[in-house]
Every structure is written in C-alpha cells, then in structure tokens.
Amino acid sequence: AYAHLGAATVHGSVRQILSGKLQLEPVDLVYSAGL
C-alpha cells in the first residue's frame, strides 16, 4: 500500500528491540499507537 510513499518495513518484536537484536535507527519521530 505505501512503498510508493517511501514506507519501509522491518519484521521485529518488542523483545528483539529490548534485547538489542533489533536496533532502532536514529530518527526525528518515533511513535507507538496501540502497542
């Protein structure tokens, strides 16, 4: 739906983020709505 708008996807979980297996890249905005 949104690749044409430049959207990228990463398959990953909260556990991977907190364990460091998935590193968050430096950004100007980070958000989470329903999590």
Full PDB file with SEQRES, HELIX, SHEET, SSBOND, CRYST1, ORIGX, SCALE, CONECT and MASTER records, all heavy atoms in Angstrom:
SEQRES   1 A   35  ALA TYR ALA HIS LEU GLY ALA ALA THR VAL HIS GLY SER          
SEQRES   2 A   35  VAL ARG GLN ILE LEU SER GLY LYS LEU GLN LEU GLU PRO          
SEQRES   3 A   35  VAL ASP LEU VAL TYR SER ALA GLY LEU                          
HELIX    1 AA1 ALA A    3  LEU A    5  5                                   3    
HELIX    2 AA2 VAL A   14  SER A   19  1                                   6    
CRYST1    1.000    1.000    1.000  90.00  90.00  90.00 P 1           1          
ORIGX1      1.000000  0.000000  0.000000        0.00000                         
ORIGX2      0.000000  1.000000  0.000000        0.00000                         
ORIGX3      0.000000  0.000000  1.000000        0.00000                         
SCALE1      1.000000  0.000000  0.000000        0.00000                         
SCALE2      0.000000  1.000000  0.000000        0.00000                         
SCALE3      0.000000  0.000000  1.000000        0.00000                         
ATOM      1  N   ALA A   1       0.802  -1.226   0.000  1.00  0.00           N  
ATOM      2  CA  ALA A   1       0.000   0.000   0.000  1.00  0.00           C  
ATOM      3  C   ALA A   1       0.832   1.273   0.000  1.00  0.00           C  
ATOM      4  O   ALA A   1       0.410   2.288  -0.575  1.00  0.00           O  
ATOM      5  CB  ALA A   1      -0.939  -0.004   1.211  1.00  0.00           C  
ATOM      6  N   TYR A   2       2.022   1.246   0.617  1.00  0.00           N  
ATOM      7  CA  TYR A   2       2.705   2.516   0.870  1.00  0.00           C  
ATOM      8  C   TYR A   2       4.176   2.550   0.454  1.00  0.00           C  
ATOM      9  O   TYR A   2       4.866   3.522   0.746  1.00  0.00           O  
ATOM     10  CB  TYR A   2       2.571   2.879   2.359  1.00  0.00           C  
ATOM     11  CG  TYR A   2       1.145   2.856   2.824  1.00  0.00           C  
ATOM     12  CD1 TYR A   2       0.721   1.969   3.814  1.00  0.00           C  
ATOM     13  CD2 TYR A   2       0.188   3.688   2.240  1.00  0.00           C  
ATOM     14  CE1 TYR A   2      -0.613   1.925   4.217  1.00  0.00           C  
ATOM     15  CE2 TYR A   2      -1.133   3.640   2.634  1.00  0.00           C  
ATOM     16  CZ  TYR A   2      -1.533   2.759   3.627  1.00  0.00           C  
ATOM     17  OH  TYR A   2      -2.844   2.716   4.011  1.00  0.00           O  
ATOM     18  N   ALA A   3       4.637   1.518  -0.238  1.00  0.00           N  
ATOM     19  CA  ALA A   3       6.018   1.565  -0.729  1.00  0.00           C  
ATOM     20  C   ALA A   3       6.221   2.755  -1.660  1.00  0.00           C  
ATOM     21  O   ALA A   3       7.291   3.372  -1.676  1.00  0.00           O  
ATOM     22  CB  ALA A   3       6.373   0.262  -1.438  1.00  0.00           C  
ATOM     23  N   HIS A   4       5.184   3.115  -2.407  1.00  0.00           N  
ATOM     24  CA  HIS A   4       5.294   4.241  -3.331  1.00  0.00           C  
ATOM     25  C   HIS A   4       5.447   5.568  -2.591  1.00  0.00           C  
ATOM     26  O   HIS A   4       5.871   6.571  -3.176  1.00  0.00           O  
ATOM     27  CB  HIS A   4       4.084   4.297  -4.268  1.00  0.00           C  
ATOM     28  CG  HIS A   4       2.813   4.703  -3.595  1.00  0.00           C  
ATOM     29  ND1 HIS A   4       2.109   3.864  -2.754  1.00  0.00           N  
ATOM     30  CD2 HIS A   4       2.106   5.877  -3.621  1.00  0.00           C  
ATOM     31  CE1 HIS A   4       1.034   4.487  -2.310  1.00  0.00           C  
ATOM     32  NE2 HIS A   4       1.001   5.699  -2.809  1.00  0.00           N  
ATOM     33  N   LEU A   5       5.106   5.571  -1.291  1.00  0.00           N  
ATOM     34  CA  LEU A   5       5.299   6.764  -0.472  1.00  0.00           C  
ATOM     35  C   LEU A   5       6.610   6.696   0.318  1.00  0.00           C  
ATOM     36  O   LEU A   5       6.874   7.559   1.158  1.00  0.00           O  
ATOM     37  CB  LEU A   5       4.125   6.929   0.503  1.00  0.00           C  
ATOM     38  CG  LEU A   5       2.755   7.205  -0.124  1.00  0.00           C  
ATOM     39  CD1 LEU A   5       1.685   7.271   0.956  1.00  0.00           C  
ATOM     40  CD2 LEU A   5       2.783   8.502  -0.933  1.00  0.00           C  
ATOM     41  N   GLY A   6       7.405   5.679   0.038  1.00  0.00           N  
ATOM     42  CA  GLY A   6       8.701   5.563   0.702  1.00  0.00           C  
ATOM     43  C   GLY A   6       8.684   4.786   1.998  1.00  0.00           C  
ATOM     44  O   GLY A   6       9.695   4.756   2.713  1.00  0.00           O  
ATOM     45  N   ALA A   7       7.569   4.139   2.310  1.00  0.00           N  
ATOM     46  CA  ALA A   7       7.495   3.373   3.557  1.00  0.00           C  
ATOM     47  C   ALA A   7       8.358   2.118   3.447  1.00  0.00           C  
ATOM     48  O   ALA A   7       8.348   1.413   2.436  1.00  0.00           O  
ATOM     49  CB  ALA A   7       6.054   2.982   3.870  1.00  0.00           C  
ATOM     50  N   ALA A   8       9.111   1.848   4.517  1.00  0.00           N  
ATOM     51  CA  ALA A   8       9.927   0.645   4.615  1.00  0.00           C  
ATOM     52  C   ALA A   8       9.379  -0.224   5.739  1.00  0.00           C  
ATOM     53  O   ALA A   8       8.667   0.260   6.623  1.00  0.00           O  
ATOM     54  CB  ALA A   8      11.382   1.001   4.892  1.00  0.00           C  
ATOM     55  N   THR A   9       9.689  -1.503   5.712  1.00  0.00           N  
ATOM     56  CA  THR A   9       9.186  -2.412   6.740  1.00  0.00           C  
ATOM     57  C   THR A   9      10.329  -3.188   7.383  1.00  0.00           C  
ATOM     58  O   THR A   9      11.320  -3.522   6.721  1.00  0.00           O  
ATOM     59  CB  THR A   9       8.163  -3.413   6.170  1.00  0.00           C  
ATOM     60  OG1 THR A   9       8.800  -4.218   5.165  1.00  0.00           O  
ATOM     61  CG2 THR A   9       6.973  -2.695   5.572  1.00  0.00           C  
ATOM     62  N   VAL A  10      10.149  -3.478   8.666  1.00  0.00           N  
ATOM     63  CA  VAL A  10      11.104  -4.303   9.426  1.00  0.00           C  
ATOM     64  C   VAL A  10      10.294  -5.282  10.258  1.00  0.00           C  
ATOM     65  O   VAL A  10       9.418  -4.880  11.026  1.00  0.00           O  
ATOM     66  CB  VAL A  10      12.003  -3.448  10.345  1.00  0.00           C  
ATOM     67  CG1 VAL A  10      12.869  -4.351  11.221  1.00  0.00           C  
ATOM     68  CG2 VAL A  10      12.866  -2.497   9.526  1.00  0.00           C  
ATOM     69  N   HIS A  11      10.598  -6.558  10.086  1.00  0.00           N  
ATOM     70  CA  HIS A  11       9.921  -7.584  10.889  1.00  0.00           C  
ATOM     71  C   HIS A  11      10.648  -7.709  12.216  1.00  0.00           C  
ATOM     72  O   HIS A  11      11.827  -8.060  12.265  1.00  0.00           O  
ATOM     73  CB  HIS A  11       9.930  -8.922  10.154  1.00  0.00           C  
ATOM     74  CG  HIS A  11       9.224 -10.012  10.899  1.00  0.00           C  
ATOM     75  ND1 HIS A  11       9.800 -11.217  11.195  1.00  0.00           N  
ATOM     76  CD2 HIS A  11       7.970 -10.055  11.430  1.00  0.00           C  
ATOM     77  CE1 HIS A  11       8.953 -11.969  11.867  1.00  0.00           C  
ATOM     78  NE2 HIS A  11       7.834 -11.285  12.024  1.00  0.00           N  
ATOM     79  N   GLY A  12       9.960  -7.395  13.309  1.00  0.00           N  
ATOM     80  CA  GLY A  12      10.616  -7.451  14.604  1.00  0.00           C  
ATOM     81  C   GLY A  12       9.635  -7.274  15.737  1.00  0.00           C  
ATOM     82  O   GLY A  12       8.529  -6.746  15.559  1.00  0.00           O  
ATOM     83  N   SER A  13      10.037  -7.709  16.916  1.00  0.00           N  
ATOM     84  CA  SER A  13       9.174  -7.681  18.096  1.00  0.00           C  
ATOM     85  C   SER A  13       9.740  -6.755  19.161  1.00  0.00           C  
ATOM     86  O   SER A  13      10.908  -6.325  19.096  1.00  0.00           O  
ATOM     87  CB  SER A  13       9.049  -9.089  18.680  1.00  0.00           C  
ATOM     88  OG  SER A  13      10.313  -9.533  19.167  1.00  0.00           O  
ATOM     89  N   VAL A  14       8.928  -6.475  20.160  1.00  0.00           N  
ATOM     90  CA  VAL A  14       9.381  -5.692  21.309  1.00  0.00           C  
ATOM     91  C   VAL A  14      10.538  -6.400  21.994  1.00  0.00           C  
ATOM     92  O   VAL A  14      11.530  -5.769  22.398  1.00  0.00           O  
ATOM     93  CB  VAL A  14       8.223  -5.469  22.304  1.00  0.00           C  
ATOM     94  CG1 VAL A  14       8.729  -4.844  23.602  1.00  0.00           C  
ATOM     95  CG2 VAL A  14       7.154  -4.592  21.683  1.00  0.00           C  
ATOM     96  N   ARG A  15      10.426  -7.700  22.122  1.00  0.00           N  
ATOM     97  CA  ARG A  15      11.507  -8.468  22.768  1.00  0.00           C  
ATOM     98  C   ARG A  15      12.821  -8.283  22.030  1.00  0.00           C  
ATOM     99  O   ARG A  15      13.880  -8.118  22.669  1.00  0.00           O  
ATOM    100  CB  ARG A  15      11.128  -9.946  22.817  1.00  0.00           C  
ATOM    101  CG  ARG A  15      12.173 -10.832  23.479  1.00  0.00           C  
ATOM    102  CD  ARG A  15      11.681 -12.258  23.628  1.00  0.00           C  
ATOM    103  NE  ARG A  15      10.550 -12.331  24.531  1.00  0.00           N  
ATOM    104  CZ  ARG A  15       9.918 -13.455  24.839  1.00  0.00           C  
ATOM    105  NH1 ARG A  15      10.304 -14.609  24.287  1.00  0.00           N  
ATOM    106  NH2 ARG A  15       8.903 -13.443  25.688  1.00  0.00           N  
ATOM    107  N   GLN A  16      12.797  -8.294  20.719  1.00  0.00           N  
ATOM    108  CA  GLN A  16      14.024  -8.106  19.943  1.00  0.00           C  
ATOM    109  C   GLN A  16      14.583  -6.702  20.117  1.00  0.00           C  
ATOM    110  O   GLN A  16      15.799  -6.507  20.181  1.00  0.00           O  
ATOM    111  CB  GLN A  16      13.757  -8.396  18.470  1.00  0.00           C  
ATOM    112  CG  GLN A  16      13.518  -9.866  18.168  1.00  0.00           C  
ATOM    113  CD  GLN A  16      13.106 -10.101  16.735  1.00  0.00           C  
ATOM    114  OE1 GLN A  16      12.216  -9.415  16.205  1.00  0.00           O  
ATOM    115  NE2 GLN A  16      13.737 -11.057  16.079  1.00  0.00           N  
ATOM    116  N   ILE A  17      13.699  -5.727  20.207  1.00  0.00           N  
ATOM    117  CA  ILE A  17      14.149  -4.355  20.424  1.00  0.00           C  
ATOM    118  C   ILE A  17      14.808  -4.222  21.782  1.00  0.00           C  
ATOM    119  O   ILE A  17      15.904  -3.648  21.911  1.00  0.00           O  
ATOM    120  CB  ILE A  17      12.966  -3.368  20.294  1.00  0.00           C  
ATOM    121  CG1 ILE A  17      12.449  -3.332  18.860  1.00  0.00           C  
ATOM    122  CG2 ILE A  17      13.377  -1.962  20.740  1.00  0.00           C  
ATOM    123  CD1 ILE A  17      11.164  -2.543  18.688  1.00  0.00           C  
ATOM    124  N   LEU A  18      14.184  -4.765  22.806  1.00  0.00           N  
ATOM    125  CA  LEU A  18      14.715  -4.621  24.165  1.00  0.00           C  
ATOM    126  C   LEU A  18      15.981  -5.437  24.385  1.00  0.00           C  
ATOM    127  O   LEU A  18      16.814  -5.081  25.221  1.00  0.00           O  
ATOM    128  CB  LEU A  18      13.642  -5.013  25.188  1.00  0.00           C  
ATOM    129  CG  LEU A  18      12.403  -4.117  25.219  1.00  0.00           C  
ATOM    130  CD1 LEU A  18      11.435  -4.583  26.292  1.00  0.00           C  
ATOM    131  CD2 LEU A  18      12.794  -2.658  25.460  1.00  0.00           C  
ATOM    132  N   SER A  19      16.123  -6.541  23.654  1.00  0.00           N  
ATOM    133  CA  SER A  19      17.328  -7.365  23.800  1.00  0.00           C  
ATOM    134  C   SER A  19      18.500  -6.835  22.994  1.00  0.00           C  
ATOM    135  O   SER A  19      19.636  -7.297  23.161  1.00  0.00           O  
ATOM    136  CB  SER A  19      17.029  -8.805  23.367  1.00  0.00           C  
ATOM    137  OG  SER A  19      16.808  -8.876  21.962  1.00  0.00           O  
ATOM    138  N   GLY A  20      18.230  -5.871  22.125  1.00  0.00           N  
ATOM    139  CA  GLY A  20      19.280  -5.319  21.286  1.00  0.00           C  
ATOM    140  C   GLY A  20      19.463  -6.050  19.972  1.00  0.00           C  
ATOM    141  O   GLY A  20      20.308  -5.656  19.156  1.00  0.00           O  
ATOM    142  N   LYS A  21      18.694  -7.121  19.745  1.00  0.00           N  
ATOM    143  CA  LYS A  21      18.802  -7.833  18.471  1.00  0.00           C  
ATOM    144  C   LYS A  21      18.285  -6.987  17.314  1.00  0.00           C  
ATOM    145  O   LYS A  21      18.707  -7.162  16.168  1.00  0.00           O  
ATOM    146  CB  LYS A  21      18.028  -9.153  18.552  1.00  0.00           C  
ATOM    147  CG  LYS A  21      18.653 -10.176  19.477  1.00  0.00           C  
ATOM    148  CD  LYS A  21      17.867 -11.471  19.479  1.00  0.00           C  
ATOM    149  CE  LYS A  21      18.503 -12.501  20.407  1.00  0.00           C  
ATOM    150  NZ  LYS A  21      17.725 -13.780  20.445  1.00  0.00           N  
ATOM    151  N   LEU A  22      17.361  -6.092  17.631  1.00  0.00           N  
ATOM    152  CA  LEU A  22      16.853  -5.143  16.641  1.00  0.00           C  
ATOM    153  C   LEU A  22      17.160  -3.741  17.132  1.00  0.00           C  
ATOM    154  O   LEU A  22      16.610  -3.290  18.133  1.00  0.00           O  
ATOM    155  CB  LEU A  22      15.350  -5.324  16.444  1.00  0.00           C  
ATOM    156  CG  LEU A  22      14.642  -4.322  15.523  1.00  0.00           C  
ATOM    157  CD1 LEU A  22      15.272  -4.307  14.142  1.00  0.00           C  
ATOM    158  CD2 LEU A  22      13.156  -4.638  15.425  1.00  0.00           C  
ATOM    159  N   GLN A  23      18.075  -3.098  16.456  1.00  0.00           N  
ATOM    160  CA  GLN A  23      18.492  -1.752  16.841  1.00  0.00           C  
ATOM    161  C   GLN A  23      17.611  -0.716  16.160  1.00  0.00           C  
ATOM    162  O   GLN A  23      17.381  -0.784  14.950  1.00  0.00           O  
ATOM    163  CB  GLN A  23      19.957  -1.521  16.441  1.00  0.00           C  
ATOM    164  CG  GLN A  23      20.954  -2.419  17.155  1.00  0.00           C  
ATOM    165  CD  GLN A  23      21.242  -1.949  18.561  1.00  0.00           C  
ATOM    166  OE1 GLN A  23      20.973  -0.800  18.913  1.00  0.00           O  
ATOM    167  NE2 GLN A  23      21.787  -2.832  19.385  1.00  0.00           N  
ATOM    168  N   LEU A  24      17.123   0.225  16.939  1.00  0.00           N  
ATOM    169  CA  LEU A  24      16.355   1.325  16.362  1.00  0.00           C  
ATOM    170  C   LEU A  24      17.313   2.351  15.771  1.00  0.00           C  
ATOM    171  O   LEU A  24      18.251   2.799  16.440  1.00  0.00           O  
ATOM    172  CB  LEU A  24      15.484   1.988  17.430  1.00  0.00           C  
ATOM    173  CG  LEU A  24      14.413   1.115  18.081  1.00  0.00           C  
ATOM    174  CD1 LEU A  24      13.615   1.934  19.095  1.00  0.00           C  
ATOM    175  CD2 LEU A  24      13.484   0.501  17.039  1.00  0.00           C  
ATOM    176  N   GLU A  25      17.064   2.716  14.546  1.00  0.00           N  
ATOM    177  CA  GLU A  25      17.897   3.723  13.881  1.00  0.00           C  
ATOM    178  C   GLU A  25      17.570   5.121  14.412  1.00  0.00           C  
ATOM    179  O   GLU A  25      16.438   5.380  14.848  1.00  0.00           O  
ATOM    180  CB  GLU A  25      17.664   3.677  12.370  1.00  0.00           C  
ATOM    181  CG  GLU A  25      18.058   2.362  11.712  1.00  0.00           C  
ATOM    182  CD  GLU A  25      19.536   2.096  11.813  1.00  0.00           C  
ATOM    183  OE1 GLU A  25      20.328   3.075  11.758  1.00  0.00           O  
ATOM    184  OE2 GLU A  25      19.919   0.918  11.964  1.00  0.00           O  
ATOM    185  N   PRO A  26      18.534   6.050  14.369  1.00  0.00           N  
ATOM    186  CA  PRO A  26      18.248   7.431  14.797  1.00  0.00           C  
ATOM    187  C   PRO A  26      17.161   8.052  13.929  1.00  0.00           C  
ATOM    188  O   PRO A  26      17.213   7.968  12.696  1.00  0.00           O  
ATOM    189  CB  PRO A  26      19.592   8.138  14.589  1.00  0.00           C  
ATOM    190  CG  PRO A  26      20.619   7.050  14.607  1.00  0.00           C  
ATOM    191  CD  PRO A  26      19.950   5.857  13.992  1.00  0.00           C  
ATOM    192  N   VAL A  27      16.176   8.655  14.572  1.00  0.00           N  
ATOM    193  CA  VAL A  27      15.035   9.211  13.843  1.00  0.00           C  
ATOM    194  C   VAL A  27      14.615  10.549  14.448  1.00  0.00           C  
ATOM    195  O   VAL A  27      15.016  10.917  15.554  1.00  0.00           O  
ATOM    196  CB  VAL A  27      13.826   8.244  13.864  1.00  0.00           C  
ATOM    197  CG1 VAL A  27      14.093   7.005  13.038  1.00  0.00           C  
ATOM    198  CG2 VAL A  27      13.454   7.869  15.297  1.00  0.00           C  
ATOM    199  N   ASP A  28      13.761  11.243  13.699  1.00  0.00           N  
ATOM    200  CA  ASP A  28      13.201  12.515  14.155  1.00  0.00           C  
ATOM    201  C   ASP A  28      11.894  12.310  14.913  1.00  0.00           C  
ATOM    202  O   ASP A  28      11.500  13.161  15.716  1.00  0.00           O  
ATOM    203  CB  ASP A  28      12.958  13.433  12.952  1.00  0.00           C  
ATOM    204  CG  ASP A  28      14.226  13.663  12.157  1.00  0.00           C  
ATOM    205  OD1 ASP A  28      15.096  14.411  12.640  1.00  0.00           O  
ATOM    206  OD2 ASP A  28      14.345  13.086  11.059  1.00  0.00           O  
ATOM    207  N   LEU A  29      11.234  11.197  14.639  1.00  0.00           N  
ATOM    208  CA  LEU A  29       9.972  10.873  15.313  1.00  0.00           C  
ATOM    209  C   LEU A  29       9.872   9.371  15.460  1.00  0.00           C  
ATOM    210  O   LEU A  29      10.099   8.626  14.508  1.00  0.00           O  
ATOM    211  CB  LEU A  29       8.789  11.395  14.485  1.00  0.00           C  
ATOM    212  CG  LEU A  29       7.384  10.914  14.895  1.00  0.00           C  
ATOM    213  CD1 LEU A  29       7.017  11.408  16.296  1.00  0.00           C  
ATOM    214  CD2 LEU A  29       6.340  11.386  13.870  1.00  0.00           C  
ATOM    215  N   VAL A  30       9.544   8.939  16.670  1.00  0.00           N  
ATOM    216  CA  VAL A  30       9.245   7.529  16.908  1.00  0.00           C  
ATOM    217  C   VAL A  30       7.940   7.467  17.693  1.00  0.00           C  
ATOM    218  O   VAL A  30       7.730   8.242  18.622  1.00  0.00           O  
ATOM    219  CB  VAL A  30      10.395   6.805  17.653  1.00  0.00           C  
ATOM    220  CG1 VAL A  30      10.682   7.448  19.008  1.00  0.00           C  
ATOM    221  CG2 VAL A  30      10.083   5.320  17.819  1.00  0.00           C  
ATOM    222  N   TYR A  31       7.054   6.576  17.277  1.00  0.00           N  
ATOM    223  CA  TYR A  31       5.764   6.512  17.966  1.00  0.00           C  
ATOM    224  C   TYR A  31       5.256   5.081  18.009  1.00  0.00           C  
ATOM    225  O   TYR A  31       5.687   4.205  17.241  1.00  0.00           O  
ATOM    226  CB  TYR A  31       4.734   7.427  17.296  1.00  0.00           C  
ATOM    227  CG  TYR A  31       4.356   7.071  15.876  1.00  0.00           C  
ATOM    228  CD1 TYR A  31       3.385   6.118  15.600  1.00  0.00           C  
ATOM    229  CD2 TYR A  31       4.946   7.724  14.783  1.00  0.00           C  
ATOM    230  CE1 TYR A  31       3.013   5.809  14.309  1.00  0.00           C  
ATOM    231  CE2 TYR A  31       4.590   7.423  13.490  1.00  0.00           C  
ATOM    232  CZ  TYR A  31       3.626   6.470  13.250  1.00  0.00           C  
ATOM    233  OH  TYR A  31       3.269   6.161  11.959  1.00  0.00           O  
ATOM    234  N   SER A  32       4.328   4.866  18.927  1.00  0.00           N  
ATOM    235  CA  SER A  32       3.621   3.604  19.022  1.00  0.00           C  
ATOM    236  C   SER A  32       2.200   3.906  19.470  1.00  0.00           C  
ATOM    237  O   SER A  32       2.005   4.587  20.480  1.00  0.00           O  
ATOM    238  CB  SER A  32       4.298   2.658  20.005  1.00  0.00           C  
ATOM    239  OG  SER A  32       3.709   1.379  19.948  1.00  0.00           O  
ATOM    240  N   ALA A  33       1.225   3.405  18.721  1.00  0.00           N  
ATOM    241  CA  ALA A  33      -0.166   3.771  18.988  1.00  0.00           C  
ATOM    242  C   ALA A  33      -0.878   2.725  19.838  1.00  0.00           C  
ATOM    243  O   ALA A  33      -1.292   2.997  20.962  1.00  0.00           O  
ATOM    244  CB  ALA A  33      -0.905   3.982  17.674  1.00  0.00           C  
ATOM    245  N   GLY A  34      -1.016   1.496  19.355  1.00  0.00           N  
ATOM    246  CA  GLY A  34      -1.802   0.504  20.070  1.00  0.00           C  
ATOM    247  C   GLY A  34      -1.016  -0.474  20.914  1.00  0.00           C  
ATOM    248  O   GLY A  34      -1.595  -1.248  21.676  1.00  0.00           O  
ATOM    249  N   LEU A  35       0.295  -0.441  20.824  1.00  0.00           N  
ATOM    250  CA  LEU A  35       1.129  -1.431  21.496  1.00  0.00           C  
ATOM    251  C   LEU A  35       1.080  -1.351  23.012  1.00  0.00           C  
ATOM    252  O   LEU A  35       1.003  -2.372  23.709  1.00  0.00           O  
ATOM    253  CB  LEU A  35       2.574  -1.273  21.020  1.00  0.00           C  
ATOM    254  CG  LEU A  35       3.630  -2.128  21.736  1.00  0.00           C  
ATOM    255  CD1 LEU A  35       3.369  -3.615  21.491  1.00  0.00           C  
ATOM    256  CD2 LEU A  35       5.025  -1.744  21.272  1.00  0.00           C  
TER     257      LEU A  35                                                      
MASTER        0    0    0    2    0    0    0    6  256    1    0    3          
END                                                                             
